[in-house]
Amino acid sequence: MYQKTIKLFLKDGDPNERIICELSNWDGIAYKLPKTMLKESKDLKYIYNTGIYFLIGEQEGIPYIYVGESEVLYNRLIQHLSDDKDFWTECVLFTRKDNSLNKAHIKYIENILYSEAKKAARYEVDNSSIPTQSTLSEFEEAEMKEIIDNVKMLTNALGYKVFLYEKKQKVDNKNILYFKTKKLEARGVITNEGFMVLKGSKVSDMPPKNSICKGYKALRERLQRENIINENYEFTSNYTFSSSSAAANVISGYSNSGPIVWKNKEGKMLKDIIN
């Protein structure tokens, strides 16, 4: 992979407000806009172009995303302010400066990005149906795939790990942490992306307690629905949680502190290892 230069322009001088993003040797442009600043963004140069967009937010502690496309980005985003998609707090949109994308192009991109987001399973994808994929020429497909790669790269650079797959990495047994009770036996490691629970870890077969955060309960249900946790209450693949506590809550079904319950093989708690 070649080195890349990403330019971020803070439109309002604040990283929590509007950001304009460009990638070296690419004619595309991205906007990251808070929902509360959408209406005052109507004068942005390329915001009426054809392109694709993401609505991003969370519900009950679970990250959500909606993948969309429009021939007039700003108008479509304004419509979302009054529809039933209340979860989003930010939107990220992508277009070409020369506005050369057509409806077939963006439908193709939307379908691929939807599928990639579902496969990565980092976010709950809020689309009610699978976007249809348009038919393109071989030349156009190659061109759109390059755009898709750039969109995924910039989305990650802007802080959203929507398309980030679990890396296949060799796990050093010295770094493995354990969470064991009579009902479960899980293994995990700290990574640059969060806390990764390892394939084969067993979770509690008891229903989650009512006291557990609704977001953790919903996440466990999603992992079971997507067979990341199977009918035998085992992880079928490695899965990265946002924190050791999130992992511990989902695995046990009750509220507890990850830095305390995760321990190395000598019995040393995670919080002491970190300190």
C-alpha atoms as a PDB file:
ATOM      1  CA  MET A   1       0.000   0.000   0.000  1.00  0.00           C
ATOM      2  CA  TYR A   2       1.293   3.444  -0.959  1.00  0.00           C
ATOM      3  CA  GLN A   3       1.673   6.283   1.528  1.00  0.00           C
ATOM      4  CA  LYS A   4      -1.156   8.802   1.478  1.00  0.00           C
ATOM      5  CA  THR A   5      -1.588  12.444   2.442  1.00  0.00           C
ATOM      6  CA  ILE A   6      -4.942  13.414   3.946  1.00  0.00           C
ATOM      7  CA  LYS A   7      -5.822  17.092   4.317  1.00  0.00           C
ATOM      8  CA  LEU A   8      -8.298  18.134   6.997  1.00  0.00           C
ATOM      9  CA  PHE A   9      -9.674  21.665   7.009  1.00  0.00           C
ATOM     10  CA  LEU A  10     -11.500  22.728  10.182  1.00  0.00           C
ATOM     11  CA  LYS A  11     -14.160  24.951   8.688  1.00  0.00           C
ATOM     12  CA  ASP A  12     -15.027  26.503  12.053  1.00  0.00           C
ATOM     13  CA  GLY A  13     -11.645  26.100  13.727  1.00  0.00           C
ATOM     14  CA  ASP A  14     -13.047  23.345  15.948  1.00  0.00           C
ATOM     15  CA  PRO A  15     -12.453  19.590  15.385  1.00  0.00           C
ATOM     16  CA  ASN A  16     -15.910  18.869  16.814  1.00  0.00           C
ATOM     17  CA  GLU A  17     -17.629  20.982  14.180  1.00  0.00           C
ATOM     18  CA  ARG A  18     -17.429  20.949  10.364  1.00  0.00           C
ATOM     19  CA  ILE A  19     -14.494  19.239   8.671  1.00  0.00           C
ATOM     20  CA  ILE A  20     -13.597  19.243   4.975  1.00  0.00           C
ATOM     21  CA  CYS A  21     -11.418  16.305   3.983  1.00  0.00           C
ATOM     22  CA  GLU A  22      -9.350  15.605   0.867  1.00  0.00           C
ATOM     23  CA  LEU A  23      -7.016  12.809  -0.187  1.00  0.00           C
ATOM     24  CA  SER A  24      -3.854  13.253  -2.237  1.00  0.00           C
ATOM     25  CA  ASN A  25      -4.174  12.444  -5.959  1.00  0.00           C
ATOM     26  CA  TRP A  26      -7.960  12.080  -5.766  1.00  0.00           C
ATOM     27  CA  ASP A  27     -10.571  14.426  -7.207  1.00  0.00           C
ATOM     28  CA  GLY A  28     -13.059  13.583  -4.473  1.00  0.00           C
ATOM     29  CA  ILE A  29     -13.980  15.503  -1.346  1.00  0.00           C
ATOM     30  CA  ALA A  30     -15.602  14.613   1.963  1.00  0.00           C
ATOM     31  CA  TYR A  31     -17.573  16.665   4.467  1.00  0.00           C
ATOM     32  CA  LYS A  32     -18.074  15.715   8.095  1.00  0.00           C
ATOM     33  CA  LEU A  33     -20.990  17.751   9.450  1.00  0.00           C
ATOM     34  CA  PRO A  34     -22.711  17.785  12.839  1.00  0.00           C
ATOM     35  CA  LYS A  35     -26.468  17.368  12.520  1.00  0.00           C
ATOM     36  CA  THR A  36     -26.953  20.669  14.333  1.00  0.00           C
ATOM     37  CA  MET A  37     -24.891  22.517  11.695  1.00  0.00           C
ATOM     38  CA  LEU A  38     -26.440  21.010   8.589  1.00  0.00           C
ATOM     39  CA  LYS A  39     -28.684  23.939   7.702  1.00  0.00           C
ATOM     40  CA  GLU A  40     -25.861  26.474   7.962  1.00  0.00           C
ATOM     41  CA  SER A  41     -23.785  24.291   5.620  1.00  0.00           C
ATOM     42  CA  LYS A  42     -25.942  25.043   2.567  1.00  0.00           C
ATOM     43  CA  ASP A  43     -23.230  27.275   1.086  1.00  0.00           C
ATOM     44  CA  LEU A  44     -20.511  24.607   1.017  1.00  0.00           C
ATOM     45  CA  LYS A  45     -19.187  24.432  -2.524  1.00  0.00           C
ATOM     46  CA  TYR A  46     -19.891  20.800  -3.428  1.00  0.00           C
ATOM     47  CA  ILE A  47     -22.770  19.963  -1.091  1.00  0.00           C
ATOM     48  CA  TYR A  48     -25.381  19.933  -3.902  1.00  0.00           C
ATOM     49  CA  ASN A  49     -23.405  17.372  -5.919  1.00  0.00           C
ATOM     50  CA  THR A  50     -24.339  13.747  -6.513  1.00  0.00           C
ATOM     51  CA  GLY A  51     -22.750  11.396  -4.003  1.00  0.00           C
ATOM     52  CA  ILE A  52     -23.092   9.015  -1.082  1.00  0.00           C
ATOM     53  CA  TYR A  53     -23.466   9.757   2.616  1.00  0.00           C
ATOM     54  CA  PHE A  54     -23.532   8.178   6.065  1.00  0.00           C
ATOM     55  CA  LEU A  55     -25.738   9.119   9.003  1.00  0.00           C
ATOM     56  CA  ILE A  56     -23.804   8.206  12.151  1.00  0.00           C
ATOM     57  CA  GLY A  57     -24.761   8.060  15.821  1.00  0.00           C
ATOM     58  CA  GLU A  58     -25.722   5.566  18.488  1.00  0.00           C
ATOM     59  CA  GLN A  59     -28.671   4.102  20.332  1.00  0.00           C
ATOM     60  CA  GLU A  60     -28.379   2.740  23.867  1.00  0.00           C
ATOM     61  CA  GLY A  61     -24.599   2.674  23.578  1.00  0.00           C
ATOM     62  CA  ILE A  62     -24.541   0.806  20.249  1.00  0.00           C
ATOM     63  CA  PRO A  63     -23.018   2.641  17.235  1.00  0.00           C
ATOM     64  CA  TYR A  64     -25.430   2.970  14.304  1.00  0.00           C
ATOM     65  CA  ILE A  65     -24.949   3.955  10.680  1.00  0.00           C
ATOM     66  CA  TYR A  66     -27.218   4.524   7.726  1.00  0.00           C
ATOM     67  CA  VAL A  67     -25.748   4.278   4.219  1.00  0.00           C
ATOM     68  CA  GLY A  68     -27.426   6.465   1.589  1.00  0.00           C
ATOM     69  CA  GLU A  69     -27.042   8.069  -1.821  1.00  0.00           C
ATOM     70  CA  SER A  70     -28.527  11.090  -3.530  1.00  0.00           C
ATOM     71  CA  GLU A  71     -28.300  13.068  -6.726  1.00  0.00           C
ATOM     72  CA  VAL A  72     -28.525  16.228  -4.586  1.00  0.00           C
ATOM     73  CA  LEU A  73     -26.792  15.520  -1.279  1.00  0.00           C
ATOM     74  CA  TYR A  74     -27.852  18.589   0.694  1.00  0.00           C
ATOM     75  CA  ASN A  75     -31.547  18.237  -0.150  1.00  0.00           C
ATOM     76  CA  ARG A  76     -31.596  14.586   0.886  1.00  0.00           C
ATOM     77  CA  LEU A  77     -29.831  15.284   4.171  1.00  0.00           C
ATOM     78  CA  ILE A  78     -32.316  18.052   4.995  1.00  0.00           C
ATOM     79  CA  GLN A  79     -35.110  15.498   4.511  1.00  0.00           C
ATOM     80  CA  HIS A  80     -33.491  13.279   7.138  1.00  0.00           C
ATOM     81  CA  LEU A  81     -33.884  16.033   9.728  1.00  0.00           C
ATOM     82  CA  SER A  82     -37.609  15.341   9.854  1.00  0.00           C
ATOM     83  CA  ASP A  83     -37.802  11.599   9.208  1.00  0.00           C
ATOM     84  CA  ASP A  84     -37.836   8.794  11.773  1.00  0.00           C
ATOM     85  CA  LYS A  85     -34.071   8.310  11.858  1.00  0.00           C
ATOM     86  CA  ASP A  86     -33.438  10.020  15.164  1.00  0.00           C
ATOM     87  CA  PHE A  87     -30.214   8.238  16.143  1.00  0.00           C
ATOM     88  CA  TRP A  88     -27.748  10.262  14.079  1.00  0.00           C
ATOM     89  CA  THR A  89     -25.713  13.167  15.387  1.00  0.00           C
ATOM     90  CA  GLU A  90     -23.281  13.540  12.461  1.00  0.00           C
ATOM     91  CA  CYS A  91     -23.220  12.922   8.745  1.00  0.00           C
ATOM     92  CA  VAL A  92     -20.312  12.224   6.422  1.00  0.00           C
ATOM     93  CA  LEU A  93     -20.749  12.742   2.681  1.00  0.00           C
ATOM     94  CA  PHE A  94     -18.550  12.037  -0.324  1.00  0.00           C
ATOM     95  CA  THR A  95     -18.658  13.399  -3.848  1.00  0.00           C
ATOM     96  CA  ARG A  96     -16.453  14.335  -6.785  1.00  0.00           C
ATOM     97  CA  LYS A  97     -15.557  17.946  -7.312  1.00  0.00           C
ATOM     98  CA  ASP A  98     -16.479  17.766 -10.995  1.00  0.00           C
ATOM     99  CA  ASN A  99     -19.850  16.187 -10.101  1.00  0.00           C
ATOM    100  CA  SER A 100     -19.232  13.381 -12.597  1.00  0.00           C
ATOM    101  CA  LEU A 101     -20.957  10.643 -10.592  1.00  0.00           C
ATOM    102  CA  ASN A 102     -24.344   9.570 -11.936  1.00  0.00           C
ATOM    103  CA  LYS A 103     -27.213   7.611 -10.387  1.00  0.00           C
ATOM    104  CA  ALA A 104     -25.847   4.235 -11.507  1.00  0.00           C
ATOM    105  CA  HIS A 105     -22.458   5.045  -9.994  1.00  0.00           C
ATOM    106  CA  ILE A 106     -23.766   5.995  -6.555  1.00  0.00           C
ATOM    107  CA  LYS A 107     -26.191   3.057  -6.414  1.00  0.00           C
ATOM    108  CA  TYR A 108     -23.257   0.735  -7.091  1.00  0.00           C
ATOM    109  CA  ILE A 109     -21.133   2.427  -4.401  1.00  0.00           C
ATOM    110  CA  GLU A 110     -24.013   2.414  -1.902  1.00  0.00           C
ATOM    111  CA  ASN A 111     -24.589  -1.324  -2.320  1.00  0.00           C
ATOM    112  CA  ILE A 112     -20.914  -2.205  -1.830  1.00  0.00           C
ATOM    113  CA  LEU A 113     -20.486   0.060   1.209  1.00  0.00           C
ATOM    114  CA  TYR A 114     -23.664  -1.313   2.806  1.00  0.00           C
ATOM    115  CA  SER A 115     -22.369  -4.875   2.345  1.00  0.00           C
ATOM    116  CA  GLU A 116     -18.918  -3.968   3.694  1.00  0.00           C
ATOM    117  CA  ALA A 117     -20.410  -2.305   6.781  1.00  0.00           C
ATOM    118  CA  LYS A 118     -22.578  -5.359   7.488  1.00  0.00           C
ATOM    119  CA  LYS A 119     -19.629  -7.705   7.032  1.00  0.00           C
ATOM    120  CA  ALA A 120     -17.341  -5.747   9.355  1.00  0.00           C
ATOM    121  CA  ALA A 121     -20.117  -5.766  12.020  1.00  0.00           C
ATOM    122  CA  ARG A 122     -18.658  -2.754  13.847  1.00  0.00           C
ATOM    123  CA  TYR A 123     -21.871  -0.723  13.549  1.00  0.00           C
ATOM    124  CA  GLU A 124     -25.535  -1.602  13.492  1.00  0.00           C
ATOM    125  CA  VAL A 125     -26.593  -0.785   9.918  1.00  0.00           C
ATOM    126  CA  ASP A 126     -29.950   1.027  10.010  1.00  0.00           C
ATOM    127  CA  ASN A 127     -30.982   0.503   6.379  1.00  0.00           C
ATOM    128  CA  SER A 128     -34.340  -1.277   6.261  1.00  0.00           C
ATOM    129  CA  SER A 129     -33.523  -2.977   2.957  1.00  0.00           C
ATOM    130  CA  ILE A 130     -30.456  -3.951   0.948  1.00  0.00           C
ATOM    131  CA  PRO A 131     -29.589  -1.216  -1.580  1.00  0.00           C
ATOM    132  CA  THR A 132     -29.885  -2.436  -5.156  1.00  0.00           C
ATOM    133  CA  GLN A 133     -26.683  -2.693  -7.154  1.00  0.00           C
ATOM    134  CA  SER A 134     -26.612  -1.128 -10.593  1.00  0.00           C
ATOM    135  CA  THR A 135     -24.883  -2.708 -13.597  1.00  0.00           C
ATOM    136  CA  LEU A 136     -21.756  -0.923 -14.782  1.00  0.00           C
ATOM    137  CA  SER A 137     -19.183  -1.502 -17.478  1.00  0.00           C
ATOM    138  CA  GLU A 138     -15.887  -3.112 -16.495  1.00  0.00           C
ATOM    139  CA  PHE A 139     -14.182   0.267 -16.832  1.00  0.00           C
ATOM    140  CA  GLU A 140     -16.749   1.958 -14.563  1.00  0.00           C
ATOM    141  CA  GLU A 141     -16.564  -0.820 -11.963  1.00  0.00           C
ATOM    142  CA  ALA A 142     -12.798  -0.390 -11.671  1.00  0.00           C
ATOM    143  CA  GLU A 143     -13.262   3.359 -11.270  1.00  0.00           C
ATOM    144  CA  MET A 144     -15.965   2.956  -8.614  1.00  0.00           C
ATOM    145  CA  LYS A 145     -13.894   0.424  -6.653  1.00  0.00           C
ATOM    146  CA  GLU A 146     -11.111   2.984  -6.365  1.00  0.00           C
ATOM    147  CA  ILE A 147     -13.620   5.512  -5.029  1.00  0.00           C
ATOM    148  CA  ILE A 148     -14.949   2.923  -2.563  1.00  0.00           C
ATOM    149  CA  ASP A 149     -11.435   2.258  -1.246  1.00  0.00           C
ATOM    150  CA  ASN A 150     -10.893   5.987  -0.760  1.00  0.00           C
ATOM    151  CA  VAL A 151     -14.236   6.401   0.994  1.00  0.00           C
ATOM    152  CA  LYS A 152     -13.397   3.577   3.402  1.00  0.00           C
ATOM    153  CA  MET A 153      -9.948   5.059   4.088  1.00  0.00           C
ATOM    154  CA  LEU A 154     -11.274   8.551   4.792  1.00  0.00           C
ATOM    155  CA  THR A 155     -14.145   7.241   6.921  1.00  0.00           C
ATOM    156  CA  ASN A 156     -11.623   5.478   9.127  1.00  0.00           C
ATOM    157  CA  ALA A 157      -9.351   8.544   9.183  1.00  0.00           C
ATOM    158  CA  LEU A 158     -12.286  10.653  10.366  1.00  0.00           C
ATOM    159  CA  GLY A 159     -12.681   8.346  13.360  1.00  0.00           C
ATOM    160  CA  TYR A 160     -15.362   5.900  12.235  1.00  0.00           C
ATOM    161  CA  LYS A 161     -14.153   2.287  12.088  1.00  0.00           C
ATOM    162  CA  VAL A 162     -17.179   1.201  10.082  1.00  0.00           C
ATOM    163  CA  PHE A 163     -15.260  -0.842   7.526  1.00  0.00           C
ATOM    164  CA  LEU A 164     -12.387  -2.058   9.671  1.00  0.00           C
ATOM    165  CA  TYR A 165     -12.194  -5.842   9.631  1.00  0.00           C
ATOM    166  CA  GLU A 166     -10.703  -7.826  12.463  1.00  0.00           C
ATOM    167  CA  LYS A 167      -7.018  -8.194  11.693  1.00  0.00           C
ATOM    168  CA  LYS A 168      -5.640 -11.700  11.636  1.00  0.00           C
ATOM    169  CA  GLN A 169      -2.823 -11.343  14.084  1.00  0.00           C
ATOM    170  CA  LYS A 170      -0.705 -13.711  16.061  1.00  0.00           C
ATOM    171  CA  VAL A 171      -1.707 -13.573  19.706  1.00  0.00           C
ATOM    172  CA  ASP A 172       1.107 -13.808  22.219  1.00  0.00           C
ATOM    173  CA  ASN A 173      -0.016 -16.182  24.972  1.00  0.00           C
ATOM    174  CA  LYS A 174       1.809 -14.013  27.507  1.00  0.00           C
ATOM    175  CA  ASN A 175      -0.663 -11.179  26.823  1.00  0.00           C
ATOM    176  CA  ILE A 176      -3.886 -13.197  27.033  1.00  0.00           C
ATOM    177  CA  LEU A 177      -6.330 -12.163  29.753  1.00  0.00           C
ATOM    178  CA  TYR A 178      -8.983 -14.428  31.243  1.00  0.00           C
ATOM    179  CA  PHE A 179     -12.486 -13.938  32.608  1.00  0.00           C
ATOM    180  CA  LYS A 180     -13.712 -17.086  34.349  1.00  0.00           C
ATOM    181  CA  THR A 181     -16.754 -17.949  36.443  1.00  0.00           C
ATOM    182  CA  LYS A 182     -18.867 -21.101  36.867  1.00  0.00           C
ATOM    183  CA  LYS A 183     -20.916 -20.009  33.845  1.00  0.00           C
ATOM    184  CA  LEU A 184     -18.254 -18.761  31.428  1.00  0.00           C
ATOM    185  CA  GLU A 185     -14.630 -18.939  30.372  1.00  0.00           C
ATOM    186  CA  ALA A 186     -13.463 -16.169  28.038  1.00  0.00           C
ATOM    187  CA  ARG A 187     -10.079 -15.068  26.736  1.00  0.00           C
ATOM    188  CA  GLY A 188      -9.111 -11.663  25.384  1.00  0.00           C
ATOM    189  CA  VAL A 189      -6.288  -9.275  24.561  1.00  0.00           C
ATOM    190  CA  ILE A 190      -5.845  -5.513  24.423  1.00  0.00           C
ATOM    191  CA  THR A 191      -5.368  -4.157  20.882  1.00  0.00           C
ATOM    192  CA  ASN A 192      -4.962  -0.721  19.325  1.00  0.00           C
ATOM    193  CA  GLU A 193      -8.646  -0.832  18.421  1.00  0.00           C
ATOM    194  CA  GLY A 194     -10.130  -1.897  21.765  1.00  0.00           C
ATOM    195  CA  PHE A 195     -10.483  -5.184  23.633  1.00  0.00           C
ATOM    196  CA  MET A 196     -10.538  -8.300  21.445  1.00  0.00           C
ATOM    197  CA  VAL A 197     -12.316 -11.407  22.741  1.00  0.00           C
ATOM    198  CA  LEU A 198     -10.826 -14.516  21.171  1.00  0.00           C
ATOM    199  CA  LYS A 199     -12.582 -17.169  19.121  1.00  0.00           C
ATOM    200  CA  GLY A 200     -13.800 -20.088  21.247  1.00  0.00           C
ATOM    201  CA  SER A 201     -14.487 -17.988  24.341  1.00  0.00           C
ATOM    202  CA  LYS A 202     -17.577 -19.197  26.187  1.00  0.00           C
ATOM    203  CA  VAL A 203     -20.201 -16.733  27.421  1.00  0.00           C
ATOM    204  CA  SER A 204     -22.820 -17.213  30.096  1.00  0.00           C
ATOM    205  CA  ASP A 205     -25.870 -19.172  28.964  1.00  0.00           C
ATOM    206  CA  MET A 206     -28.073 -17.220  31.380  1.00  0.00           C
ATOM    207  CA  PRO A 207     -30.325 -14.393  30.095  1.00  0.00           C
ATOM    208  CA  PRO A 208     -28.864 -10.924  30.731  1.00  0.00           C
ATOM    209  CA  LYS A 209     -29.895  -9.299  34.013  1.00  0.00           C
ATOM    210  CA  ASN A 210     -32.395  -6.440  33.920  1.00  0.00           C
ATOM    211  CA  SER A 211     -29.788  -4.200  35.533  1.00  0.00           C
ATOM    212  CA  ILE A 212     -27.402  -4.462  32.578  1.00  0.00           C
ATOM    213  CA  CYS A 213     -27.125  -1.478  30.229  1.00  0.00           C
ATOM    214  CA  LYS A 214     -29.649  -1.791  27.398  1.00  0.00           C
ATOM    215  CA  GLY A 215     -26.897  -1.152  24.887  1.00  0.00           C
ATOM    216  CA  TYR A 216     -24.892  -4.169  26.064  1.00  0.00           C
ATOM    217  CA  LYS A 217     -28.010  -6.314  26.014  1.00  0.00           C
ATOM    218  CA  ALA A 218     -28.775  -5.201  22.456  1.00  0.00           C
ATOM    219  CA  LEU A 219     -25.173  -5.867  21.403  1.00  0.00           C
ATOM    220  CA  ARG A 220     -25.282  -9.394  22.787  1.00  0.00           C
ATOM    221  CA  GLU A 221     -28.533 -10.047  20.946  1.00  0.00           C
ATOM    222  CA  ARG A 222     -26.955  -8.790  17.704  1.00  0.00           C
ATOM    223  CA  LEU A 223     -23.873 -10.986  18.140  1.00  0.00           C
ATOM    224  CA  GLN A 224     -26.135 -13.984  18.651  1.00  0.00           C
ATOM    225  CA  ARG A 225     -28.311 -13.027  15.707  1.00  0.00           C
ATOM    226  CA  GLU A 226     -25.265 -12.775  13.453  1.00  0.00           C
ATOM    227  CA  ASN A 227     -23.809 -16.047  14.817  1.00  0.00           C
ATOM    228  CA  ILE A 228     -20.711 -14.336  16.201  1.00  0.00           C
ATOM    229  CA  ILE A 229     -21.931 -16.007  19.411  1.00  0.00           C
ATOM    230  CA  ASN A 230     -23.409 -19.376  18.420  1.00  0.00           C
ATOM    231  CA  GLU A 231     -26.084 -21.600  19.953  1.00  0.00           C
ATOM    232  CA  ASN A 232     -23.437 -23.171  22.202  1.00  0.00           C
ATOM    233  CA  TYR A 233     -22.659 -19.716  23.631  1.00  0.00           C
ATOM    234  CA  GLU A 234     -19.206 -19.581  22.053  1.00  0.00           C
ATOM    235  CA  PHE A 235     -17.543 -16.903  19.947  1.00  0.00           C
ATOM    236  CA  THR A 236     -17.193 -18.213  16.404  1.00  0.00           C
ATOM    237  CA  SER A 237     -14.539 -15.598  15.588  1.00  0.00           C
ATOM    238  CA  ASN A 238     -12.456 -12.925  17.284  1.00  0.00           C
ATOM    239  CA  TYR A 239     -14.501  -9.831  18.094  1.00  0.00           C
ATOM    240  CA  THR A 240     -13.277  -6.418  19.242  1.00  0.00           C
ATOM    241  CA  PHE A 241     -15.278  -4.481  21.826  1.00  0.00           C
ATOM    242  CA  SER A 242     -14.831  -0.805  22.599  1.00  0.00           C
ATOM    243  CA  SER A 243     -13.494  -1.631  26.079  1.00  0.00           C
ATOM    244  CA  SER A 244     -12.751  -4.473  28.468  1.00  0.00           C
ATOM    245  CA  SER A 245     -15.902  -3.564  30.432  1.00  0.00           C
ATOM    246  CA  ALA A 246     -18.099  -3.762  27.330  1.00  0.00           C
ATOM    247  CA  ALA A 247     -16.700  -7.227  26.645  1.00  0.00           C
ATOM    248  CA  ALA A 248     -17.215  -8.359  30.238  1.00  0.00           C
ATOM    249  CA  ASN A 249     -20.798  -7.075  30.389  1.00  0.00           C
ATOM    250  CA  VAL A 250     -21.828  -8.752  27.134  1.00  0.00           C
ATOM    251  CA  ILE A 251     -20.122 -12.032  28.051  1.00  0.00           C
ATOM    252  CA  SER A 252     -21.488 -12.279  31.598  1.00  0.00           C
ATOM    253  CA  GLY A 253     -24.895 -10.680  31.109  1.00  0.00           C
ATOM    254  CA  TYR A 254     -24.510  -8.503  34.182  1.00  0.00           C
ATOM    255  CA  SER A 255     -22.756  -5.274  35.117  1.00  0.00           C
ATOM    256  CA  ASN A 256     -19.104  -5.492  36.115  1.00  0.00           C
ATOM    257  CA  SER A 257     -15.782  -3.720  35.692  1.00  0.00           C
ATOM    258  CA  GLY A 258     -13.539  -5.054  32.949  1.00  0.00           C
ATOM    259  CA  PRO A 259     -10.255  -3.823  34.498  1.00  0.00           C
ATOM    260  CA  ILE A 260     -11.098  -5.888  37.574  1.00  0.00           C
ATOM    261  CA  VAL A 261     -12.561  -9.130  36.160  1.00  0.00           C
ATOM    262  CA  TRP A 262     -10.033  -9.648  33.349  1.00  0.00           C
ATOM    263  CA  LYS A 263      -6.838 -11.211  34.729  1.00  0.00           C
ATOM    264  CA  ASN A 264      -3.666 -12.753  33.333  1.00  0.00           C
ATOM    265  CA  LYS A 265      -2.724 -16.379  34.014  1.00  0.00           C
ATOM    266  CA  GLU A 266      -0.982 -15.331  37.231  1.00  0.00           C
ATOM    267  CA  GLY A 267      -4.220 -13.760  38.498  1.00  0.00           C
ATOM    268  CA  LYS A 268      -3.090 -10.152  38.117  1.00  0.00           C
ATOM    269  CA  MET A 269      -5.964  -7.794  37.307  1.00  0.00           C
ATOM    270  CA  LEU A 270      -5.977  -5.777  34.093  1.00  0.00           C
ATOM    271  CA  LYS A 271      -6.039  -2.489  36.002  1.00  0.00           C
ATOM    272  CA  ASP A 272      -2.798  -3.443  37.789  1.00  0.00           C
ATOM    273  CA  ILE A 273      -1.187  -4.584  34.538  1.00  0.00           C
ATOM    274  CA  ILE A 274      -1.992  -1.224  32.931  1.00  0.00           C
ATOM    275  CA  ASN A 275      -0.720   0.709  35.949  1.00  0.00           C
END
